[in-house]
Protein backbone atom coordinates (compact mmCIF):
# COMPACT_ATOMS: atom_id res chain seq x y z
CA MET A 1 275.82 196.40 146.77
CA LYS A 2 277.60 196.01 143.44
CA ILE A 3 278.53 192.67 141.91
CA LEU A 4 281.00 192.39 139.05
CA ILE A 5 280.31 189.35 136.92
CA VAL A 6 283.46 187.94 135.28
CA CYS A 7 283.81 185.00 132.91
CA SER A 8 285.01 183.76 129.57
CA THR A 9 283.21 185.34 126.61
CA LYS A 10 282.03 181.79 125.87
CA PHE A 11 279.72 182.12 128.90
CA TYR A 12 278.26 185.54 128.08
CA ASN A 13 275.02 183.79 127.10
CA LYS A 14 274.54 182.92 130.81
CA ILE A 15 274.91 186.48 132.13
CA GLU A 16 271.41 187.82 131.47
CA GLU A 17 269.61 185.15 133.50
CA ILE A 18 272.07 185.41 136.38
CA SER A 19 272.12 189.20 136.43
CA ASN A 20 268.31 189.35 136.35
CA TYR A 21 268.16 187.06 139.40
CA LEU A 22 270.72 189.18 141.26
CA LYS A 23 269.01 192.45 140.31
CA ASP A 24 265.74 191.04 141.67
CA LYS A 25 267.60 190.47 144.97
CA GLY A 26 268.62 194.13 145.08
CA PHE A 27 272.16 193.97 143.68
CA ASP A 28 273.60 196.37 141.13
CA ILE A 29 275.43 194.55 138.36
CA ILE A 30 278.70 195.53 136.70
CA TYR A 31 279.18 193.64 133.47
CA PRO A 32 282.40 192.29 131.97
CA ASN A 33 284.14 194.01 129.08
CA GLY A 34 282.54 193.20 125.75
CA TYR A 35 279.13 192.34 127.19
CA ASN A 36 276.54 194.62 125.59
CA ASP A 37 278.94 197.54 125.32
CA GLU A 38 280.86 199.34 122.59
CA TYR A 39 283.23 196.34 122.32
CA THR A 40 280.60 193.63 121.88
CA ASP A 41 280.80 193.25 118.12
CA ILE A 42 284.52 193.64 117.51
CA ASP A 43 285.70 191.44 114.67
CA TYR A 44 289.09 190.33 115.95
CA SER A 45 289.97 188.90 112.54
CA ASN A 46 289.84 192.44 111.12
CA ILE A 47 292.26 194.14 113.50
CA THR A 48 296.03 194.22 113.44
CA LYS A 49 298.17 192.53 116.08
CA GLU A 50 299.06 195.96 117.50
CA GLU A 51 295.36 196.94 117.69
CA HIS A 52 294.65 193.63 119.43
CA ILE A 53 297.38 194.28 122.00
CA GLU A 54 296.17 197.84 122.61
CA LEU A 55 292.59 196.62 123.02
CA PHE A 56 293.59 194.01 125.58
CA GLN A 57 295.66 196.57 127.48
CA LYS A 58 292.57 198.78 127.60
CA PHE A 59 290.44 195.84 128.77
CA PHE A 60 292.88 195.03 131.58
CA LYS A 61 292.73 198.63 132.84
CA MET A 62 288.95 198.73 132.52
CA SER A 63 288.66 195.45 134.45
CA GLU A 64 290.83 196.80 137.23
CA ASP A 65 288.54 199.83 137.55
CA LYS A 66 285.47 197.59 137.58
CA VAL A 67 286.93 195.40 140.34
CA LYS A 68 287.65 198.54 142.40
CA GLU A 69 284.05 199.71 141.95
CA ALA A 70 282.50 196.36 142.89
CA ASP A 71 281.79 195.11 146.39
CA LEU A 72 282.31 191.52 145.29
CA ILE A 73 282.88 189.49 142.16
CA LEU A 74 281.11 186.46 140.80
CA ALA A 75 283.19 184.32 138.44
CA LEU A 76 281.09 182.15 136.16
CA ASN A 77 283.20 179.05 135.62
CA TYR A 78 281.28 176.54 133.56
CA ASP A 79 282.70 173.68 131.54
CA LYS A 80 284.22 174.90 128.26
CA GLU A 81 284.81 172.81 125.16
CA LYS A 82 287.63 173.74 122.83
CA GLY A 83 288.99 171.55 120.07
CA GLY A 84 287.13 168.53 121.37
CA VAL A 85 288.62 168.91 124.87
CA ILE A 86 286.41 169.73 127.87
CA PHE A 87 287.87 172.14 130.42
CA LYS A 88 285.87 171.58 133.60
CA ASN A 89 284.93 174.72 135.59
CA TYR A 90 286.97 176.84 133.19
CA VAL A 91 288.70 179.98 134.45
CA GLY A 92 290.55 181.68 131.62
CA PRO A 93 293.52 184.02 131.88
CA SER A 94 291.55 187.28 131.91
CA THR A 95 289.08 185.96 134.49
CA PHE A 96 291.99 184.75 136.61
CA LEU A 97 293.48 188.27 136.53
CA GLU A 98 290.15 189.75 137.60
CA ILE A 99 289.92 187.25 140.47
CA TYR A 100 293.49 188.13 141.44
CA ASN A 101 292.69 191.86 141.40
CA ALA A 102 289.67 191.22 143.61
CA PHE A 103 291.89 189.30 146.03
CA ARG A 104 294.44 192.13 146.12
CA LEU A 105 291.65 194.61 146.88
CA ASN A 106 290.11 192.43 149.62
CA LYS A 107 286.87 191.89 147.70
CA LYS A 108 284.73 188.82 148.31
CA ILE A 109 285.15 186.32 145.50
CA TYR A 110 282.40 183.91 144.52
CA LEU A 111 282.90 181.02 142.10
CA TYR A 112 279.80 179.66 140.41
CA ASN A 113 281.27 176.13 140.33
CA ASP A 114 284.16 174.34 142.02
CA ILE A 115 287.75 175.46 141.57
CA PRO A 116 289.08 173.99 138.32
CA ASP A 117 291.46 171.09 138.74
CA ASN A 118 294.25 172.49 136.59
CA MET A 119 297.50 174.41 136.89
CA LEU A 120 295.71 177.41 138.49
CA HIS A 121 294.01 175.36 141.21
CA ASP A 122 296.41 176.22 144.03
CA GLU A 123 296.43 179.94 143.18
CA ILE A 124 292.64 180.17 142.99
CA GLU A 125 292.28 178.15 146.18
CA ALA A 126 294.63 180.60 147.93
CA PHE A 127 292.23 183.44 147.08
CA LYS A 128 289.67 181.63 149.31
CA PRO A 129 286.70 182.00 146.97
CA ILE A 130 283.24 181.14 148.18
CA ILE A 131 282.02 178.22 146.06
CA ILE A 132 278.27 178.44 145.44
CA ASN A 133 277.87 175.44 143.10
CA GLY A 134 275.23 177.22 141.05
CA ASN A 135 273.20 178.39 144.08
CA LEU A 136 273.00 182.17 143.68
CA SER A 137 271.09 182.48 146.97
CA LYS A 138 274.43 181.83 148.71
CA ILE A 139 275.60 185.30 147.68
CA LEU A 140 275.21 187.88 150.41
CA VAL A 141 271.72 189.31 150.49
CA LYS A 142 271.60 193.09 150.17
CA LYS A 143 270.30 194.72 153.32
């Protein structure tokens, strides 16, 4: 069974521990764009606006393919601090799109923490994610 891990790049430092746990349980892991791949070290300050747009278009298409390949997705939604403001259980725009694609394709959706209490709450709730509150053992066990 294949799990696609999706999250803000701010949480990429959490992926290794989580993916190792899931691999030990028999899952195959599909990693998000920019995590230990050819896009990991892109210096966004050194690319033009057009290159940035083209890169994000490529990422969106790659994410769609990854969602199709996966049996389920796990969205890591930790608290994120930006500019002195804490965003509890943060789901960013790209992660939201990946969750939406999973919903459209009838994939199981797992959220690491509760649904964020923000303007996307109702939409994410409608996707009926399985909230695991940090307990990875709640993800289906591979048989």
